[in-house]
Amino acid sequence: MEVKIVDIGDDYVRLVIKGEGHTYLNLLQHYLVEDDDVIVARYNIPHPLIGEPEIYIKTSGVNPLEAVKKANEKIIAACNTLLEQI
């Protein structure tokens, strides 16, 4: 996975996440919108074969990259919980 910051401000970020599709981006979006500090989390994949997946996050003032990090930590915790149950 390669992540590129396309645009960033104090309360928003637009990232291109190469090599990922709906599976990861939908999961990331799900955990982002559960965060009370996240106002908007949406993603777009222009074309599944040639498009670069892009996600936009807007927060209520917190660092948007910290919100992404927090969401990814929740994804890891959920995966670890699932693995423990198998």
N, C-alpha and C. Protein backbone atom coordinates (compact mmCIF):
# COMPACT_ATOMS: atom_id res chain seq x y z
N MET A 1 0.85 -1.17 0.00
CA MET A 1 0.00 0.00 0.00
C MET A 1 0.89 1.24 0.00
N GLU A 2 0.60 2.13 -0.90
CA GLU A 2 1.33 3.39 -0.98
C GLU A 2 0.33 4.51 -0.74
N VAL A 3 0.62 5.39 0.22
CA VAL A 3 -0.26 6.49 0.55
C VAL A 3 0.41 7.80 0.16
N LYS A 4 -0.33 8.63 -0.57
CA LYS A 4 0.19 9.92 -1.01
C LYS A 4 -0.77 11.01 -0.56
N ILE A 5 -0.24 12.05 0.08
CA ILE A 5 -1.06 13.19 0.48
C ILE A 5 -1.23 14.09 -0.74
N VAL A 6 -2.47 14.26 -1.17
CA VAL A 6 -2.77 15.10 -2.32
C VAL A 6 -3.00 16.54 -1.88
N ASP A 7 -3.72 16.71 -0.77
CA ASP A 7 -4.04 18.03 -0.25
C ASP A 7 -4.24 17.90 1.25
N ILE A 8 -3.75 18.88 2.00
CA ILE A 8 -3.89 18.82 3.46
C ILE A 8 -4.06 20.22 4.01
N GLY A 9 -4.88 20.31 5.04
CA GLY A 9 -5.08 21.54 5.78
C GLY A 9 -5.15 21.22 7.26
N ASP A 10 -5.50 22.20 8.06
CA ASP A 10 -5.58 21.98 9.50
C ASP A 10 -6.66 20.97 9.88
N ASP A 11 -7.75 20.95 9.10
CA ASP A 11 -8.87 20.09 9.47
C ASP A 11 -9.34 19.17 8.34
N TYR A 12 -8.54 19.00 7.32
CA TYR A 12 -8.92 18.10 6.23
C TYR A 12 -7.68 17.51 5.57
N VAL A 13 -7.89 16.38 4.90
CA VAL A 13 -6.81 15.75 4.13
C VAL A 13 -7.45 14.96 2.99
N ARG A 14 -6.77 14.96 1.88
CA ARG A 14 -7.17 14.14 0.73
C ARG A 14 -5.99 13.25 0.41
N LEU A 15 -6.21 11.93 0.47
CA LEU A 15 -5.15 10.95 0.28
C LEU A 15 -5.45 10.07 -0.93
N VAL A 16 -4.40 9.68 -1.64
CA VAL A 16 -4.49 8.64 -2.65
C VAL A 16 -3.87 7.40 -2.02
N ILE A 17 -4.61 6.29 -2.05
CA ILE A 17 -4.13 5.04 -1.45
C ILE A 17 -4.02 4.01 -2.57
N LYS A 18 -2.82 3.90 -3.12
CA LYS A 18 -2.60 2.99 -4.25
C LYS A 18 -2.60 1.54 -3.78
N GLY A 19 -3.12 0.69 -4.63
CA GLY A 19 -3.09 -0.74 -4.35
C GLY A 19 -4.24 -1.23 -3.48
N GLU A 20 -5.17 -0.36 -3.15
CA GLU A 20 -6.31 -0.77 -2.32
C GLU A 20 -7.60 -0.56 -3.09
N GLY A 21 -8.64 -1.20 -2.62
CA GLY A 21 -9.94 -1.10 -3.27
C GLY A 21 -11.04 -0.84 -2.26
N HIS A 22 -12.25 -1.23 -2.64
CA HIS A 22 -13.41 -0.98 -1.79
C HIS A 22 -13.30 -1.68 -0.44
N THR A 23 -12.68 -2.85 -0.39
CA THR A 23 -12.61 -3.61 0.86
C THR A 23 -11.97 -2.79 1.97
N TYR A 24 -10.78 -2.27 1.72
CA TYR A 24 -10.08 -1.50 2.76
C TYR A 24 -10.69 -0.11 2.93
N LEU A 25 -10.98 0.57 1.83
CA LEU A 25 -11.46 1.95 1.93
C LEU A 25 -12.83 2.02 2.61
N ASN A 26 -13.69 1.06 2.36
CA ASN A 26 -14.99 1.05 3.02
C ASN A 26 -14.82 0.81 4.52
N LEU A 27 -13.92 -0.09 4.88
CA LEU A 27 -13.63 -0.37 6.28
C LEU A 27 -13.05 0.87 6.97
N LEU A 28 -12.10 1.52 6.31
CA LEU A 28 -11.50 2.74 6.87
C LEU A 28 -12.56 3.82 7.04
N GLN A 29 -13.39 4.02 6.04
CA GLN A 29 -14.45 5.02 6.11
C GLN A 29 -15.39 4.71 7.27
N HIS A 30 -15.73 3.44 7.45
CA HIS A 30 -16.62 3.04 8.55
C HIS A 30 -16.06 3.47 9.90
N TYR A 31 -14.79 3.17 10.15
CA TYR A 31 -14.19 3.52 11.44
C TYR A 31 -13.96 5.03 11.57
N LEU A 32 -13.72 5.71 10.47
CA LEU A 32 -13.57 7.17 10.53
C LEU A 32 -14.87 7.85 10.94
N VAL A 33 -15.99 7.45 10.36
CA VAL A 33 -17.25 8.12 10.68
C VAL A 33 -17.74 7.79 12.09
N GLU A 34 -17.22 6.74 12.70
CA GLU A 34 -17.54 6.45 14.10
C GLU A 34 -16.86 7.44 15.05
N ASP A 35 -15.82 8.11 14.59
CA ASP A 35 -15.07 9.07 15.39
C ASP A 35 -15.86 10.37 15.48
N ASP A 36 -16.13 10.85 16.69
CA ASP A 36 -16.90 12.08 16.88
C ASP A 36 -16.19 13.31 16.32
N ASP A 37 -14.88 13.25 16.17
CA ASP A 37 -14.12 14.38 15.63
C ASP A 37 -14.14 14.43 14.10
N VAL A 38 -14.61 13.39 13.46
CA VAL A 38 -14.65 13.34 11.99
C VAL A 38 -16.02 13.79 11.52
N ILE A 39 -16.02 14.82 10.67
CA ILE A 39 -17.26 15.37 10.12
C ILE A 39 -17.63 14.65 8.83
N VAL A 40 -16.63 14.46 7.96
CA VAL A 40 -16.85 13.82 6.66
C VAL A 40 -15.73 12.82 6.41
N ALA A 41 -16.11 11.65 5.92
CA ALA A 41 -15.14 10.66 5.43
C ALA A 41 -15.77 10.01 4.21
N ARG A 42 -15.20 10.26 3.05
CA ARG A 42 -15.75 9.67 1.83
C ARG A 42 -14.60 9.24 0.93
N TYR A 43 -14.85 8.22 0.14
CA TYR A 43 -13.82 7.78 -0.79
C TYR A 43 -14.40 7.61 -2.17
N ASN A 44 -13.51 7.60 -3.16
CA ASN A 44 -13.90 7.44 -4.54
C ASN A 44 -12.83 6.63 -5.26
N ILE A 45 -13.28 5.69 -6.06
CA ILE A 45 -12.37 4.95 -6.94
C ILE A 45 -12.88 5.21 -8.35
N PRO A 46 -12.21 6.11 -9.09
CA PRO A 46 -12.71 6.51 -10.41
C PRO A 46 -12.93 5.35 -11.37
N HIS A 47 -11.99 4.42 -11.43
CA HIS A 47 -12.12 3.25 -12.30
C HIS A 47 -11.32 2.13 -11.66
N PRO A 48 -11.91 0.95 -11.50
CA PRO A 48 -11.23 -0.12 -10.77
C PRO A 48 -9.92 -0.60 -11.40
N LEU A 49 -9.74 -0.42 -12.69
CA LEU A 49 -8.52 -0.90 -13.34
C LEU A 49 -7.44 0.18 -13.45
N ILE A 50 -7.84 1.42 -13.67
CA ILE A 50 -6.83 2.46 -13.89
C ILE A 50 -6.93 3.63 -12.92
N GLY A 51 -7.99 3.69 -12.13
CA GLY A 51 -8.16 4.80 -11.20
C GLY A 51 -7.36 4.63 -9.93
N GLU A 52 -6.99 5.74 -9.34
CA GLU A 52 -6.30 5.71 -8.05
C GLU A 52 -7.32 6.01 -6.96
N PRO A 53 -7.48 5.10 -6.00
CA PRO A 53 -8.44 5.31 -4.92
C PRO A 53 -8.08 6.55 -4.10
N GLU A 54 -9.08 7.37 -3.81
CA GLU A 54 -8.86 8.61 -3.09
C GLU A 54 -9.84 8.69 -1.93
N ILE A 55 -9.36 9.15 -0.77
CA ILE A 55 -10.24 9.32 0.39
C ILE A 55 -10.07 10.75 0.90
N TYR A 56 -11.19 11.34 1.30
CA TYR A 56 -11.22 12.70 1.83
C TYR A 56 -11.76 12.64 3.25
N ILE A 57 -11.04 13.28 4.17
CA ILE A 57 -11.45 13.31 5.57
C ILE A 57 -11.47 14.75 6.04
N LYS A 58 -12.57 15.17 6.67
CA LYS A 58 -12.67 16.50 7.28
C LYS A 58 -13.01 16.29 8.74
N THR A 59 -12.30 17.01 9.60
CA THR A 59 -12.50 16.87 11.04
C THR A 59 -13.02 18.17 11.64
N SER A 60 -13.36 18.11 12.91
CA SER A 60 -13.84 19.29 13.62
C SER A 60 -12.69 20.10 14.21
N GLY A 61 -11.51 19.95 13.66
CA GLY A 61 -10.37 20.72 14.12
C GLY A 61 -9.17 19.89 14.53
N VAL A 62 -9.37 18.60 14.74
CA VAL A 62 -8.23 17.75 15.09
C VAL A 62 -7.44 17.42 13.82
N ASN A 63 -6.21 16.99 14.01
CA ASN A 63 -5.35 16.63 12.89
C ASN A 63 -5.98 15.46 12.14
N PRO A 64 -6.30 15.63 10.85
CA PRO A 64 -6.95 14.55 10.11
C PRO A 64 -6.09 13.30 9.96
N LEU A 65 -4.78 13.46 9.94
CA LEU A 65 -3.90 12.29 9.85
C LEU A 65 -3.95 11.47 11.14
N GLU A 66 -4.15 12.15 12.27
CA GLU A 66 -4.32 11.44 13.54
C GLU A 66 -5.62 10.64 13.54
N ALA A 67 -6.66 11.20 12.91
CA ALA A 67 -7.93 10.48 12.81
C ALA A 67 -7.76 9.21 11.97
N VAL A 68 -6.98 9.30 10.89
CA VAL A 68 -6.72 8.14 10.05
C VAL A 68 -5.93 7.10 10.83
N LYS A 69 -4.93 7.56 11.57
CA LYS A 69 -4.11 6.65 12.38
C LYS A 69 -4.99 5.93 13.42
N LYS A 70 -5.86 6.68 14.07
CA LYS A 70 -6.74 6.11 15.09
C LYS A 70 -7.69 5.07 14.47
N ALA A 71 -8.22 5.37 13.30
CA ALA A 71 -9.12 4.43 12.63
C ALA A 71 -8.37 3.15 12.25
N ASN A 72 -7.14 3.29 11.77
CA ASN A 72 -6.35 2.11 11.41
C ASN A 72 -6.02 1.27 12.64
N GLU A 73 -5.77 1.91 13.77
CA GLU A 73 -5.52 1.17 15.00
C GLU A 73 -6.76 0.37 15.41
N LYS A 74 -7.95 0.93 15.19
CA LYS A 74 -9.19 0.21 15.50
C LYS A 74 -9.38 -0.97 14.56
N ILE A 75 -9.01 -0.80 13.30
CA ILE A 75 -9.10 -1.90 12.33
C ILE A 75 -8.18 -3.04 12.76
N ILE A 76 -6.95 -2.70 13.15
CA ILE A 76 -6.00 -3.72 13.60
C ILE A 76 -6.53 -4.44 14.82
N ALA A 77 -7.09 -3.70 15.78
CA ALA A 77 -7.64 -4.31 16.99
C ALA A 77 -8.80 -5.25 16.65
N ALA A 78 -9.66 -4.84 15.73
CA ALA A 78 -10.78 -5.70 15.33
C ALA A 78 -10.29 -6.97 14.66
N CYS A 79 -9.26 -6.85 13.82
CA CYS A 79 -8.69 -8.03 13.16
C CYS A 79 -8.05 -8.97 14.17
N ASN A 80 -7.34 -8.41 15.14
CA ASN A 80 -6.71 -9.23 16.17
C ASN A 80 -7.76 -9.96 17.01
N THR A 81 -8.85 -9.28 17.34
CA THR A 81 -9.93 -9.92 18.09
C THR A 81 -10.52 -11.07 17.30
N LEU A 82 -10.71 -10.86 16.01
CA LEU A 82 -11.25 -11.91 15.15
C LEU A 82 -10.29 -13.11 15.10
N LEU A 83 -9.00 -12.84 14.95
CA LEU A 83 -8.02 -13.93 14.88
C LEU A 83 -7.97 -14.73 16.18
N GLU A 84 -8.16 -14.06 17.31
CA GLU A 84 -8.16 -14.77 18.60
C GLU A 84 -9.35 -15.72 18.73
N GLN A 85 -10.42 -15.42 18.03
CA GLN A 85 -11.63 -16.24 18.13
C GLN A 85 -11.63 -17.42 17.18
N ILE A 86 -10.70 -17.44 16.27
CA ILE A 86 -10.64 -18.54 15.28
C ILE A 86 -9.91 -19.73 15.88
